Amino acid sequence: MHQPSRFGMPAAEEHRLLSRARRGERDAYLTLVRHHVRSIYQLAFALMRDPVDAATVVRETFVRGEKGIRYVAEGQPTYPWLA
């Protein structure tokens, strides 16, 4: 049985995707993006209170996230790092 992370995706699956994304596999990173985009948008909207500004923050978060994916500590969930 897969142990779910606190952020909805099974932890083992998130770790596999993170490892693949670190190796430059864009499809793995995009899967992580699809999984986290709603919660990152909700956080951005709560802070910005403007849908356009929140969408901009989300876009910038994931662009920077792809460049810095190697800094996510091994075994740690990606959401806190993105947020």
N, C-alpha and C. Protein backbone atom coordinates (compact mmCIF):
# COMPACT_ATOMS: atom_id res chain seq x y z
N MET A 1 0.84 -1.19 0.00
CA MET A 1 0.00 0.00 0.00
C MET A 1 0.89 1.24 0.00
N HIS A 2 0.50 2.25 -0.78
CA HIS A 2 1.28 3.48 -0.87
C HIS A 2 0.92 4.41 0.28
N GLN A 3 1.94 4.97 0.88
CA GLN A 3 1.76 5.95 1.94
C GLN A 3 1.49 7.31 1.29
N PRO A 4 0.33 7.92 1.54
CA PRO A 4 0.09 9.23 0.92
C PRO A 4 0.91 10.31 1.61
N SER A 5 1.34 11.29 0.83
CA SER A 5 1.99 12.44 1.45
C SER A 5 0.89 13.30 2.05
N ARG A 6 1.27 14.31 2.79
CA ARG A 6 0.26 15.22 3.35
C ARG A 6 -0.37 16.07 2.26
N PHE A 7 0.13 15.98 1.04
CA PHE A 7 -0.32 16.85 -0.03
C PHE A 7 -1.07 16.10 -1.12
N GLY A 8 -1.53 14.87 -0.81
CA GLY A 8 -2.44 14.17 -1.70
C GLY A 8 -1.86 13.15 -2.65
N MET A 9 -0.63 13.27 -3.04
CA MET A 9 0.00 12.30 -3.94
C MET A 9 0.73 11.28 -3.08
N PRO A 10 0.66 10.00 -3.45
CA PRO A 10 1.44 9.02 -2.68
C PRO A 10 2.91 9.44 -2.63
N ALA A 11 3.48 9.40 -1.45
CA ALA A 11 4.85 9.88 -1.25
C ALA A 11 5.83 9.17 -2.17
N ALA A 12 5.69 7.87 -2.36
CA ALA A 12 6.61 7.12 -3.22
C ALA A 12 6.53 7.63 -4.66
N GLU A 13 5.32 7.92 -5.13
CA GLU A 13 5.15 8.43 -6.50
C GLU A 13 5.78 9.81 -6.63
N GLU A 14 5.56 10.66 -5.64
CA GLU A 14 6.15 12.00 -5.68
C GLU A 14 7.67 11.91 -5.69
N HIS A 15 8.24 11.01 -4.91
CA HIS A 15 9.70 10.86 -4.87
C HIS A 15 10.22 10.36 -6.22
N ARG A 16 9.51 9.42 -6.84
CA ARG A 16 9.92 8.93 -8.17
C ARG A 16 9.88 10.07 -9.20
N LEU A 17 8.80 10.83 -9.18
CA LEU A 17 8.69 11.95 -10.12
C LEU A 17 9.77 12.99 -9.87
N LEU A 18 10.04 13.27 -8.62
CA LEU A 18 11.07 14.24 -8.28
C LEU A 18 12.44 13.78 -8.77
N SER A 19 12.75 12.51 -8.57
CA SER A 19 14.03 11.97 -9.05
C SER A 19 14.13 12.09 -10.56
N ARG A 20 13.06 11.76 -11.26
CA ARG A 20 13.06 11.86 -12.72
C ARG A 20 13.19 13.32 -13.16
N ALA A 21 12.49 14.22 -12.48
CA ALA A 21 12.56 15.64 -12.84
C ALA A 21 13.97 16.18 -12.62
N ARG A 22 14.63 15.73 -11.57
CA ARG A 22 16.02 16.16 -11.33
C ARG A 22 16.94 15.71 -12.46
N ARG A 23 16.62 14.60 -13.10
CA ARG A 23 17.43 14.11 -14.22
C ARG A 23 17.06 14.81 -15.52
N GLY A 24 16.15 15.76 -15.45
CA GLY A 24 15.80 16.53 -16.63
C GLY A 24 14.60 16.02 -17.40
N GLU A 25 13.86 15.07 -16.83
CA GLU A 25 12.69 14.54 -17.52
C GLU A 25 11.52 15.51 -17.33
N ARG A 26 11.28 16.28 -18.36
CA ARG A 26 10.26 17.34 -18.29
C ARG A 26 8.87 16.79 -18.01
N ASP A 27 8.53 15.64 -18.56
CA ASP A 27 7.19 15.08 -18.33
C ASP A 27 6.97 14.78 -16.84
N ALA A 28 8.01 14.39 -16.13
CA ALA A 28 7.88 14.15 -14.69
C ALA A 28 7.62 15.46 -13.96
N TYR A 29 8.34 16.51 -14.36
CA TYR A 29 8.12 17.82 -13.72
C TYR A 29 6.70 18.32 -14.02
N LEU A 30 6.25 18.15 -15.24
CA LEU A 30 4.90 18.60 -15.59
C LEU A 30 3.83 17.84 -14.82
N THR A 31 4.07 16.57 -14.51
CA THR A 31 3.13 15.82 -13.68
C THR A 31 3.08 16.41 -12.28
N LEU A 32 4.23 16.78 -11.73
CA LEU A 32 4.25 17.44 -10.42
C LEU A 32 3.52 18.78 -10.48
N VAL A 33 3.72 19.52 -11.55
CA VAL A 33 3.03 20.81 -11.73
C VAL A 33 1.52 20.59 -11.73
N ARG A 34 1.06 19.64 -12.54
CA ARG A 34 -0.39 19.39 -12.62
C ARG A 34 -0.96 19.00 -11.25
N HIS A 35 -0.18 18.27 -10.50
CA HIS A 35 -0.66 17.84 -9.19
C HIS A 35 -0.76 19.02 -8.21
N HIS A 36 0.16 19.96 -8.28
CA HIS A 36 0.23 21.04 -7.29
C HIS A 36 -0.34 22.38 -7.74
N VAL A 37 -0.69 22.53 -9.00
CA VAL A 37 -1.06 23.84 -9.51
C VAL A 37 -2.27 24.43 -8.78
N ARG A 38 -3.26 23.63 -8.48
CA ARG A 38 -4.45 24.18 -7.82
C ARG A 38 -4.12 24.71 -6.42
N SER A 39 -3.38 23.95 -5.63
CA SER A 39 -3.07 24.40 -4.27
C SER A 39 -2.13 25.60 -4.27
N ILE A 40 -1.21 25.65 -5.23
CA ILE A 40 -0.32 26.82 -5.33
C ILE A 40 -1.14 28.04 -5.75
N TYR A 41 -2.08 27.87 -6.67
CA TYR A 41 -2.94 28.99 -7.07
C TYR A 41 -3.77 29.47 -5.88
N GLN A 42 -4.34 28.55 -5.13
CA GLN A 42 -5.15 28.95 -3.97
C GLN A 42 -4.32 29.76 -2.96
N LEU A 43 -3.11 29.33 -2.72
CA LEU A 43 -2.23 30.08 -1.82
C LEU A 43 -1.91 31.46 -2.41
N ALA A 44 -1.56 31.50 -3.69
CA ALA A 44 -1.24 32.78 -4.33
C ALA A 44 -2.44 33.72 -4.31
N PHE A 45 -3.62 33.20 -4.59
CA PHE A 45 -4.82 34.04 -4.59
C PHE A 45 -5.11 34.56 -3.18
N ALA A 46 -4.93 33.72 -2.17
CA ALA A 46 -5.16 34.16 -0.79
C ALA A 46 -4.22 35.30 -0.42
N LEU A 47 -3.02 35.28 -0.96
CA LEU A 47 -2.06 36.34 -0.66
C LEU A 47 -2.25 37.58 -1.53
N MET A 48 -2.56 37.38 -2.82
CA MET A 48 -2.63 38.49 -3.77
C MET A 48 -4.03 39.10 -3.88
N ARG A 49 -5.06 38.29 -3.69
CA ARG A 49 -6.46 38.73 -3.82
C ARG A 49 -6.80 39.28 -5.20
N ASP A 50 -6.07 38.79 -6.20
CA ASP A 50 -6.33 39.19 -7.58
C ASP A 50 -6.02 37.99 -8.46
N PRO A 51 -6.99 37.55 -9.28
CA PRO A 51 -6.76 36.33 -10.06
C PRO A 51 -5.63 36.44 -11.09
N VAL A 52 -5.47 37.60 -11.69
CA VAL A 52 -4.39 37.77 -12.67
C VAL A 52 -3.03 37.74 -11.98
N ASP A 53 -2.92 38.45 -10.86
CA ASP A 53 -1.67 38.44 -10.11
C ASP A 53 -1.36 37.04 -9.58
N ALA A 54 -2.38 36.34 -9.12
CA ALA A 54 -2.18 34.99 -8.60
C ALA A 54 -1.70 34.06 -9.71
N ALA A 55 -2.30 34.18 -10.90
CA ALA A 55 -1.87 33.35 -12.03
C ALA A 55 -0.42 33.65 -12.41
N THR A 56 -0.03 34.90 -12.35
CA THR A 56 1.35 35.28 -12.64
C THR A 56 2.30 34.66 -11.63
N VAL A 57 1.93 34.72 -10.37
CA VAL A 57 2.75 34.12 -9.31
C VAL A 57 2.89 32.62 -9.53
N VAL A 58 1.81 31.96 -9.90
CA VAL A 58 1.84 30.52 -10.14
C VAL A 58 2.79 30.21 -11.29
N ARG A 59 2.66 30.93 -12.37
CA ARG A 59 3.52 30.71 -13.54
C ARG A 59 4.99 30.89 -13.16
N GLU A 60 5.30 31.97 -12.47
CA GLU A 60 6.68 32.23 -12.05
C GLU A 60 7.19 31.17 -11.08
N THR A 61 6.31 30.71 -10.20
CA THR A 61 6.68 29.66 -9.25
C THR A 61 7.13 28.40 -9.96
N PHE A 62 6.37 27.97 -10.96
CA PHE A 62 6.71 26.73 -11.64
C PHE A 62 7.88 26.89 -12.61
N VAL A 63 8.06 28.07 -13.20
CA VAL A 63 9.24 28.30 -14.04
C VAL A 63 10.49 28.25 -13.17
N ARG A 64 10.47 28.95 -12.05
CA ARG A 64 11.62 28.92 -11.14
C ARG A 64 11.80 27.54 -10.52
N GLY A 65 10.69 26.87 -10.25
CA GLY A 65 10.76 25.53 -9.68
C GLY A 65 11.47 24.55 -10.58
N GLU A 66 11.21 24.65 -11.88
CA GLU A 66 11.88 23.74 -12.81
C GLU A 66 13.38 23.98 -12.82
N LYS A 67 13.78 25.23 -12.74
CA LYS A 67 15.21 25.56 -12.74
C LYS A 67 15.88 25.13 -11.44
N GLY A 68 15.14 25.14 -10.34
CA GLY A 68 15.73 24.86 -9.04
C GLY A 68 15.35 23.52 -8.42
N ILE A 69 14.80 22.61 -9.22
CA ILE A 69 14.30 21.34 -8.69
C ILE A 69 15.38 20.57 -7.95
N ARG A 70 16.62 20.76 -8.32
CA ARG A 70 17.71 20.02 -7.67
C ARG A 70 17.89 20.41 -6.21
N TYR A 71 17.29 21.53 -5.78
CA TYR A 71 17.43 21.97 -4.40
C TYR A 71 16.40 21.37 -3.45
N VAL A 72 15.43 20.64 -3.98
CA VAL A 72 14.47 19.97 -3.10
C VAL A 72 15.21 18.84 -2.40
N ALA A 73 15.17 18.83 -1.10
CA ALA A 73 15.86 17.79 -0.33
C ALA A 73 15.29 16.42 -0.67
N GLU A 74 16.17 15.47 -0.84
CA GLU A 74 15.75 14.09 -1.16
C GLU A 74 14.79 13.59 -0.10
N GLY A 75 13.67 13.03 -0.54
CA GLY A 75 12.68 12.48 0.38
C GLY A 75 11.68 13.49 0.92
N GLN A 76 11.82 14.75 0.54
CA GLN A 76 10.89 15.78 1.02
C GLN A 76 9.80 16.04 -0.01
N PRO A 77 8.59 16.38 0.44
CA PRO A 77 7.52 16.70 -0.53
C PRO A 77 7.83 18.00 -1.26
N THR A 78 7.32 18.14 -2.46
CA THR A 78 7.61 19.32 -3.27
C THR A 78 6.74 20.53 -2.91
N TYR A 79 5.54 20.33 -2.40
CA TYR A 79 4.66 21.47 -2.15
C TYR A 79 5.27 22.51 -1.23
N PRO A 80 5.80 22.15 -0.05
CA PRO A 80 6.37 23.18 0.82
C PRO A 80 7.51 23.93 0.15
N TRP A 81 8.27 23.24 -0.67
CA TRP A 81 9.38 23.89 -1.38
C TRP A 81 8.84 24.88 -2.40
N LEU A 82 7.79 24.52 -3.12
CA LEU A 82 7.20 25.43 -4.10
C LEU A 82 6.51 26.61 -3.44
N ALA A 83 5.81 26.34 -2.35
CA ALA A 83 5.05 27.39 -1.68
C ALA A 83 5.98 28.33 -0.97
